[in-house]
N, C-alpha and C. Protein backbone atom coordinates (compact mmCIF):
# COMPACT_ATOMS: atom_id res chain seq x y z
N MET A 1 -101.44 -8.60 -29.77
CA MET A 1 -100.62 -7.73 -29.73
C MET A 1 -99.23 -8.09 -30.68
N ALA A 2 -99.19 -7.19 -32.17
CA ALA A 2 -98.61 -7.28 -33.32
C ALA A 2 -97.11 -7.43 -32.92
N PHE A 3 -96.43 -8.22 -33.74
CA PHE A 3 -94.80 -8.46 -33.64
C PHE A 3 -94.59 -6.94 -34.35
N SER A 4 -93.38 -6.38 -33.38
CA SER A 4 -92.63 -5.49 -34.07
C SER A 4 -90.97 -5.36 -34.15
N ARG A 5 -90.46 -5.68 -35.27
CA ARG A 5 -89.28 -5.59 -34.89
C ARG A 5 -88.58 -4.41 -34.35
N LYS A 6 -88.90 -3.34 -34.19
CA LYS A 6 -88.36 -1.83 -33.61
C LYS A 6 -88.85 -2.12 -31.93
N ASN A 7 -89.36 -2.70 -31.51
CA ASN A 7 -89.78 -2.91 -30.45
C ASN A 7 -89.26 -4.22 -29.65
N MET A 8 -88.85 -5.07 -30.42
CA MET A 8 -87.82 -6.12 -30.11
C MET A 8 -86.23 -5.82 -29.45
N LEU A 9 -86.20 -4.75 -30.66
CA LEU A 9 -84.71 -3.88 -30.92
C LEU A 9 -84.61 -3.26 -29.36
N PHE A 10 -85.76 -2.31 -28.92
CA PHE A 10 -85.48 -1.92 -28.04
C PHE A 10 -85.54 -2.66 -26.70
N ARG A 11 -85.77 -3.75 -26.73
CA ARG A 11 -86.29 -5.05 -25.30
C ARG A 11 -84.61 -5.44 -25.70
N VAL A 12 -83.60 -6.04 -26.97
CA VAL A 12 -82.61 -5.99 -27.20
C VAL A 12 -81.70 -5.10 -26.20
N LYS A 13 -81.68 -3.67 -26.53
CA LYS A 13 -80.90 -3.02 -26.67
C LYS A 13 -81.05 -2.67 -24.57
N GLU A 14 -81.85 -2.89 -24.14
CA GLU A 14 -82.28 -2.92 -22.87
C GLU A 14 -81.74 -3.71 -22.06
N VAL A 15 -81.90 -4.85 -22.50
CA VAL A 15 -81.09 -6.47 -21.91
C VAL A 15 -79.46 -6.37 -21.99
N ASN A 16 -78.76 -5.72 -22.97
CA ASN A 16 -77.65 -5.91 -23.24
C ASN A 16 -77.36 -4.20 -22.30
N GLU A 17 -78.00 -2.94 -22.50
CA GLU A 17 -77.50 -2.57 -21.45
C GLU A 17 -77.05 -2.79 -19.70
N LEU A 18 -78.18 -3.28 -19.53
CA LEU A 18 -78.08 -4.05 -18.42
C LEU A 18 -76.97 -4.59 -18.20
N TYR A 19 -76.60 -5.73 -19.00
CA TYR A 19 -75.98 -6.42 -18.87
C TYR A 19 -74.62 -5.96 -18.69
N VAL A 20 -73.90 -5.01 -19.82
CA VAL A 20 -72.61 -4.29 -19.80
C VAL A 20 -72.68 -3.78 -18.75
N GLU A 21 -73.34 -3.21 -17.62
CA GLU A 21 -73.79 -1.97 -16.86
C GLU A 21 -72.89 -3.24 -15.61
N LYS A 22 -73.69 -4.44 -15.50
CA LYS A 22 -73.07 -5.40 -14.47
C LYS A 22 -72.03 -6.17 -14.88
N ALA A 23 -71.58 -6.07 -15.90
CA ALA A 23 -70.19 -7.06 -16.12
C ALA A 23 -69.22 -6.23 -15.80
N LYS A 24 -69.30 -4.86 -15.92
CA LYS A 24 -68.27 -3.60 -15.88
C LYS A 24 -67.91 -4.09 -14.32
N ILE A 25 -68.63 -3.88 -13.21
CA ILE A 25 -68.41 -4.27 -12.00
C ILE A 25 -67.37 -5.82 -12.01
N GLY A 26 -67.77 -6.56 -12.96
CA GLY A 26 -66.90 -7.93 -12.60
C GLY A 26 -67.87 -9.21 -12.15
N LEU A 27 -69.14 -8.88 -12.38
CA LEU A 27 -69.77 -10.15 -12.18
C LEU A 27 -69.87 -11.09 -13.33
N THR A 28 -70.43 -12.27 -13.06
CA THR A 28 -70.25 -13.35 -13.92
C THR A 28 -71.31 -13.50 -14.92
N THR A 29 -71.38 -13.95 -15.72
CA THR A 29 -72.35 -14.07 -17.09
C THR A 29 -74.26 -14.90 -15.72
N GLU A 30 -73.37 -15.67 -15.18
CA GLU A 30 -74.67 -16.61 -15.15
C GLU A 30 -75.46 -15.68 -13.66
N PHE A 31 -74.36 -15.22 -12.83
CA PHE A 31 -75.05 -14.29 -11.91
C PHE A 31 -75.85 -13.32 -12.16
N ILE A 32 -75.39 -12.42 -13.36
CA ILE A 32 -75.87 -11.07 -13.88
C ILE A 32 -77.47 -12.26 -14.51
N TYR A 33 -77.35 -12.94 -14.92
CA TYR A 33 -78.65 -13.62 -15.60
C TYR A 33 -79.51 -14.13 -14.56
N ARG A 34 -78.99 -14.56 -13.81
CA ARG A 34 -80.00 -15.25 -12.57
C ARG A 34 -80.87 -14.26 -11.54
N THR A 35 -79.67 -12.68 -11.63
CA THR A 35 -80.23 -12.13 -10.63
C THR A 35 -81.00 -11.12 -11.06
N PHE A 36 -80.31 -10.58 -12.61
CA PHE A 36 -81.07 -9.22 -12.98
C PHE A 36 -81.94 -9.71 -14.12
N ILE A 37 -81.55 -10.37 -14.62
CA ILE A 37 -82.03 -10.36 -16.14
C ILE A 37 -83.24 -11.39 -16.17
N LYS A 38 -83.38 -12.78 -15.83
CA LYS A 38 -84.38 -13.68 -15.61
C LYS A 38 -85.37 -12.99 -14.93
N PRO A 39 -85.47 -12.25 -13.86
CA PRO A 39 -86.61 -12.00 -12.87
C PRO A 39 -87.32 -11.02 -13.97
N ARG A 40 -86.49 -9.88 -14.42
CA ARG A 40 -87.30 -8.87 -15.18
C ARG A 40 -87.59 -8.82 -16.33
N PHE A 41 -87.14 -9.91 -17.32
CA PHE A 41 -87.37 -9.82 -18.36
C PHE A 41 -87.83 -11.26 -18.91
N HIS A 42 -87.76 -12.52 -17.77
CA HIS A 42 -88.29 -13.66 -18.47
C HIS A 42 -87.74 -14.34 -19.79
N ILE A 43 -86.49 -14.44 -19.94
CA ILE A 43 -86.13 -15.35 -20.94
C ILE A 43 -85.03 -16.19 -20.48
N SER A 44 -84.42 -17.47 -21.56
CA SER A 44 -83.71 -18.14 -21.05
C SER A 44 -82.44 -17.62 -21.46
N ARG A 45 -81.50 -18.84 -20.79
CA ARG A 45 -80.14 -17.93 -20.93
C ARG A 45 -79.84 -18.16 -22.68
N SER A 46 -79.92 -19.10 -23.45
CA SER A 46 -79.70 -19.31 -24.67
C SER A 46 -80.21 -18.18 -25.31
N THR A 47 -81.51 -17.55 -25.19
CA THR A 47 -82.12 -15.86 -25.67
C THR A 47 -81.29 -14.61 -25.31
N LEU A 48 -80.71 -14.94 -23.87
CA LEU A 48 -79.92 -13.85 -23.25
C LEU A 48 -78.33 -13.82 -24.51
N TYR A 49 -78.04 -15.15 -25.00
CA TYR A 49 -76.89 -15.09 -25.59
C TYR A 49 -77.23 -14.22 -26.98
N GLU A 50 -78.10 -14.76 -27.50
CA GLU A 50 -79.00 -14.51 -28.73
C GLU A 50 -78.76 -12.81 -29.11
N TYR A 51 -79.25 -12.50 -27.74
CA TYR A 51 -79.94 -10.98 -27.66
C TYR A 51 -78.18 -10.03 -27.80
N LEU A 52 -77.26 -11.14 -26.51
CA LEU A 52 -76.33 -10.19 -27.01
C LEU A 52 -75.40 -10.06 -28.28
N ALA A 53 -75.72 -11.01 -29.10
CA ALA A 53 -75.37 -10.91 -30.58
C ALA A 53 -75.80 -10.45 -31.03
N ILE A 54 -76.80 -9.91 -31.05
CA ILE A 54 -77.39 -8.62 -32.41
C ILE A 54 -77.25 -7.39 -32.04
N PRO A 55 -76.49 -6.83 -33.59
CA PRO A 55 -75.70 -5.20 -33.16
C PRO A 55 -77.14 -4.21 -33.64
N TYR A 56 -77.96 -4.68 -32.23
CA TYR A 56 -79.45 -3.45 -32.36
C TYR A 56 -78.74 -2.33 -32.42
N ASP A 57 -78.01 -1.44 -32.31
CA ASP A 57 -78.02 0.05 -32.83
C ASP A 57 -77.86 0.09 -34.25
N ARG A 58 -77.05 -0.77 -35.01
CA ARG A 58 -77.27 -0.76 -36.50
C ARG A 58 -78.33 -0.84 -36.86
N GLN A 59 -78.81 -1.76 -36.67
CA GLN A 59 -80.43 -2.39 -37.25
C GLN A 59 -81.30 -1.25 -36.88
N LEU A 60 -81.50 -0.73 -35.55
CA LEU A 60 -82.37 0.55 -35.38
C LEU A 60 -82.28 2.16 -35.98
N LYS A 61 -80.96 1.98 -36.17
CA LYS A 61 -80.56 2.77 -37.34
C LYS A 61 -81.15 2.49 -38.54
N GLU A 62 -81.18 1.52 -38.89
CA GLU A 62 -81.58 1.41 -40.65
C GLU A 62 -82.69 1.83 -40.46
N ILE A 63 -83.79 0.86 -39.47
CA ILE A 63 -85.70 1.19 -39.39
C ILE A 63 -85.73 2.58 -39.27
N TYR A 64 -84.73 3.21 -38.47
CA TYR A 64 -85.39 4.84 -38.32
C TYR A 64 -84.64 5.90 -40.31
N GLN A 65 -84.14 4.69 -40.69
CA GLN A 65 -83.71 5.71 -41.87
C GLN A 65 -84.55 5.16 -43.04
N ARG A 66 -85.28 3.94 -42.52
CA ARG A 66 -86.04 3.38 -43.44
C ARG A 66 -87.55 4.34 -43.51
N GLU A 67 -87.52 4.49 -41.98
CA GLU A 67 -89.32 5.00 -41.82
C GLU A 67 -88.91 6.91 -42.43
N LYS A 68 -88.02 6.94 -42.16
CA LYS A 68 -87.50 8.72 -42.30
C LYS A 68 -87.93 8.80 -44.26
N ALA A 69 -87.23 7.76 -44.89
CA ALA A 69 -87.49 7.62 -46.45
C ALA A 69 -88.64 7.63 -46.89
N GLU A 70 -89.69 6.85 -45.86
CA GLU A 70 -91.09 6.60 -46.16
C GLU A 70 -92.20 7.73 -46.14
N GLN A 71 -91.20 8.45 -45.31
CA GLN A 71 -92.22 9.92 -44.63
C GLN A 71 -91.50 10.46 -45.81
N GLU A 72 -90.81 10.91 -46.33
CA GLU A 72 -90.29 11.70 -47.24
C GLU A 72 -91.17 11.49 -48.56
N GLN A 73 -91.80 10.10 -48.61
CA GLN A 73 -91.93 9.98 -50.16
C GLN A 73 -93.76 9.98 -49.98
N ASN A 74 -94.00 9.92 -48.84
CA ASN A 74 -95.57 10.09 -48.59
C ASN A 74 -95.93 10.67 -47.41
N PRO A 75 -95.89 12.16 -47.29
CA PRO A 75 -96.14 13.00 -46.61
C PRO A 75 -97.79 12.96 -46.44
N THR A 76 -97.65 13.43 -45.10
CA THR A 76 -99.11 13.68 -44.68
C THR A 76 -99.62 14.95 -44.88
N LEU A 77 -101.15 14.89 -45.24
CA LEU A 77 -101.86 15.90 -45.51
C LEU A 77 -101.83 17.32 -43.76
N PHE A 78 -101.50 16.39 -42.73
CA PHE A 78 -101.78 16.93 -41.66
C PHE A 78 -100.62 17.69 -40.76
């Protein structure tokens, strides 16, 4: 499978949204990690902290803008 920054950012977004949802109700980071994130995403605790620090919304917006600019420069025939 080819690596795609966009797909990785979607995964980061999903992890972040799950974390924020559970943290709002007062659960600890360790409990959220062990109960919800590790079984579903199979990532380490250090990777979780890296994902939480990534500004995924800004980076996804930049990717969409770049794709849109490329589409305008290279229109398809169909």
